[in-house]
Amino acid sequence: MSEKKIKQKIFSIQRIYVKDISFEAPHTPEIFKISTVPTMKFNIDTDIKKLKLNIFEIILKVRVIVKDKTNLVFLCDVHQAGIFLIDNFYEEELKHCLAVYCPNILFPYARSCISHLVSYGSFPQLNLEPINFDNIFNKQLK
């Protein structure tokens, strides 16, 4: 009787790092004198790159744009990246892992980076809400 050997699933974080970072506040110091309620736009995207067999680089791109009625208050871009070893996952599990699990690991790092950059720019602290990457993934499947 032959039994199929079940391989153990492997998920390992190899590295987490900032790939690219940018903060622009082109209208300082004049913008500090304006007392309007700004609006914020928030964009998020991911790039998935297979580096070699079972090794993937995930780049979580987060952009925050804050404007008042006429001026850009600040623009903050953070590309938070990670290298992950992912082995013995079924194809659907791998897709979910790359699109949901890895970004969930990276987002707190990106959120912290953005919060620090904004405060270093002398603006009030910016606390980004958690993101439901499962919801985003499921919408993309439909």
Protein backbone atom coordinates (compact mmCIF):
# COMPACT_ATOMS: atom_id res chain seq x y z
CA MET A 1 0.00 0.00 0.00
CA SER A 2 1.49 3.32 -1.01
CA GLU A 3 0.73 6.40 1.00
CA LYS A 4 1.15 9.90 -0.29
CA LYS A 5 3.57 11.80 1.84
CA ILE A 6 1.99 15.07 2.95
CA LYS A 7 4.48 17.89 2.76
CA GLN A 8 4.44 20.43 5.52
CA LYS A 9 3.47 23.95 4.51
CA ILE A 10 6.25 26.46 5.02
CA PHE A 11 5.77 30.19 5.53
CA SER A 12 8.74 32.23 6.65
CA ILE A 13 9.49 35.94 6.69
CA GLN A 14 12.97 36.43 5.26
CA ARG A 15 13.12 40.26 5.38
CA ILE A 16 10.91 43.29 5.91
CA TYR A 17 12.19 46.61 4.61
CA VAL A 18 11.29 50.00 3.16
CA LYS A 19 11.79 49.92 -0.62
CA ASP A 20 10.82 53.53 -1.33
CA ILE A 21 9.66 56.45 0.79
CA SER A 22 8.63 60.00 0.00
CA PHE A 23 7.12 62.92 1.89
CA GLU A 24 6.25 66.23 0.24
CA ALA A 25 4.83 69.34 1.87
CA PRO A 26 5.38 71.95 -0.84
CA HIS A 27 3.46 74.80 0.80
CA THR A 28 5.18 74.87 4.16
CA PRO A 29 5.51 77.02 6.20
CA GLU A 30 2.59 79.04 4.78
CA ILE A 31 0.22 76.05 5.05
CA PHE A 32 0.61 76.08 8.85
CA LYS A 33 -1.23 79.43 8.99
CA ILE A 34 -4.34 78.16 7.14
CA SER A 35 -7.16 76.90 9.34
CA THR A 36 -9.37 74.80 7.07
CA VAL A 37 -10.43 71.20 7.40
CA PRO A 38 -8.35 69.23 4.89
CA THR A 39 -9.51 66.23 2.91
CA MET A 40 -7.57 62.99 2.70
CA LYS A 41 -7.26 60.47 -0.12
CA PHE A 42 -5.79 57.08 0.57
CA ASN A 43 -4.59 54.59 -2.06
CA ILE A 44 -3.14 51.15 -1.59
CA ASP A 45 -1.70 48.65 -4.06
CA THR A 46 0.49 45.56 -3.98
CA ASP A 47 3.14 44.21 -6.32
CA ILE A 48 4.01 40.54 -6.15
CA LYS A 49 7.31 39.36 -7.61
CA LYS A 50 8.57 35.80 -7.67
CA LEU A 51 12.29 36.05 -6.97
CA LYS A 52 13.03 32.35 -7.29
CA LEU A 53 11.36 29.05 -6.49
CA ASN A 54 9.10 29.63 -3.46
CA ILE A 55 10.67 33.04 -2.65
CA PHE A 56 8.48 36.09 -3.19
CA GLU A 57 8.88 39.83 -2.77
CA ILE A 58 5.67 41.61 -1.83
CA ILE A 59 5.60 45.40 -2.09
CA LEU A 60 2.75 47.18 -0.35
CA LYS A 61 2.39 50.67 -1.84
CA VAL A 62 0.57 53.15 0.37
CA ARG A 63 -0.14 56.73 -0.70
CA VAL A 64 -1.78 59.41 1.43
CA ILE A 65 -2.72 62.76 -0.14
CA VAL A 66 -4.01 65.55 2.09
CA LYS A 67 -5.35 68.76 0.53
CA ASP A 68 -7.13 71.84 1.71
CA LYS A 69 -9.48 73.71 -0.64
CA THR A 70 -6.73 74.93 -2.95
CA ASN A 71 -3.37 73.48 -1.90
CA LEU A 72 -1.64 70.20 -1.38
CA VAL A 73 -1.00 70.00 2.37
CA PHE A 74 1.19 66.90 2.11
CA LEU A 75 1.77 63.79 0.08
CA CYS A 76 3.23 60.66 1.63
CA ASP A 77 4.27 57.53 -0.27
CA VAL A 78 5.61 54.41 1.39
CA HIS A 79 6.54 51.21 -0.43
CA GLN A 80 6.89 48.67 2.35
CA ALA A 81 8.35 45.38 1.16
CA GLY A 82 8.99 41.92 2.42
CA ILE A 83 10.62 38.75 1.19
CA PHE A 84 8.75 35.59 2.07
CA LEU A 85 9.51 31.90 1.70
CA ILE A 86 6.26 30.13 0.87
CA ASP A 87 6.33 26.43 0.04
CA ASN A 88 3.91 23.49 -0.32
CA PHE A 89 0.77 25.61 -0.62
CA TYR A 90 -1.96 24.75 -3.11
CA GLU A 91 -2.33 27.36 -5.86
CA GLU A 92 -5.44 29.00 -4.35
CA GLU A 93 -3.83 29.05 -0.90
CA LEU A 94 -0.70 30.63 -2.36
CA LYS A 95 -2.72 33.37 -4.09
CA HIS A 96 -4.52 34.13 -0.84
CA CYS A 97 -1.27 34.14 1.11
CA LEU A 98 0.41 36.53 -1.33
CA ALA A 99 -2.57 38.89 -1.66
CA VAL A 100 -3.87 38.86 1.92
CA TYR A 101 -1.56 37.35 4.52
CA CYS A 102 1.67 39.05 3.40
CA PRO A 103 0.10 42.54 3.05
CA ASN A 104 -1.45 42.08 6.52
CA ILE A 105 2.07 41.59 7.86
CA LEU A 106 3.48 44.59 5.97
CA PHE A 107 0.71 47.13 6.63
CA PRO A 108 1.56 47.91 10.29
CA TYR A 109 5.12 48.76 9.21
CA ALA A 110 3.84 51.06 6.44
CA ARG A 111 1.30 52.66 8.80
CA SER A 112 4.02 53.38 11.35
CA CYS A 113 6.29 54.85 8.67
CA ILE A 114 3.52 57.16 7.45
CA SER A 115 2.62 58.24 10.97
CA HIS A 116 6.23 59.17 11.70
CA LEU A 117 6.75 60.99 8.41
CA VAL A 118 3.62 63.08 8.92
CA SER A 119 4.60 64.03 12.46
CA TYR A 120 8.16 64.83 11.32
CA GLY A 121 6.54 67.19 8.81
CA SER A 122 5.01 69.01 11.80
CA PHE A 123 1.46 67.90 11.04
CA PRO A 124 -0.98 66.25 13.46
CA GLN A 125 -0.46 62.54 13.92
CA LEU A 126 -2.14 60.42 11.25
CA ASN A 127 -3.49 57.05 12.36
CA LEU A 128 -4.58 54.91 9.43
CA GLU A 129 -7.35 52.39 10.03
CA PRO A 130 -6.64 48.69 9.58
CA ILE A 131 -7.34 47.31 6.11
CA ASN A 132 -9.40 44.23 5.34
CA PHE A 133 -7.19 42.62 2.70
CA ASP A 134 -9.52 39.59 2.61
CA ASN A 135 -12.35 41.84 1.47
CA ILE A 136 -10.17 43.44 -1.23
CA PHE A 137 -9.02 40.01 -2.44
CA ASN A 138 -12.57 38.65 -2.60
CA LYS A 139 -13.77 41.70 -4.58
CA GLN A 140 -10.94 41.19 -7.08
CA LEU A 141 -11.95 37.54 -7.53
CA LYS A 142 -15.49 38.56 -8.52
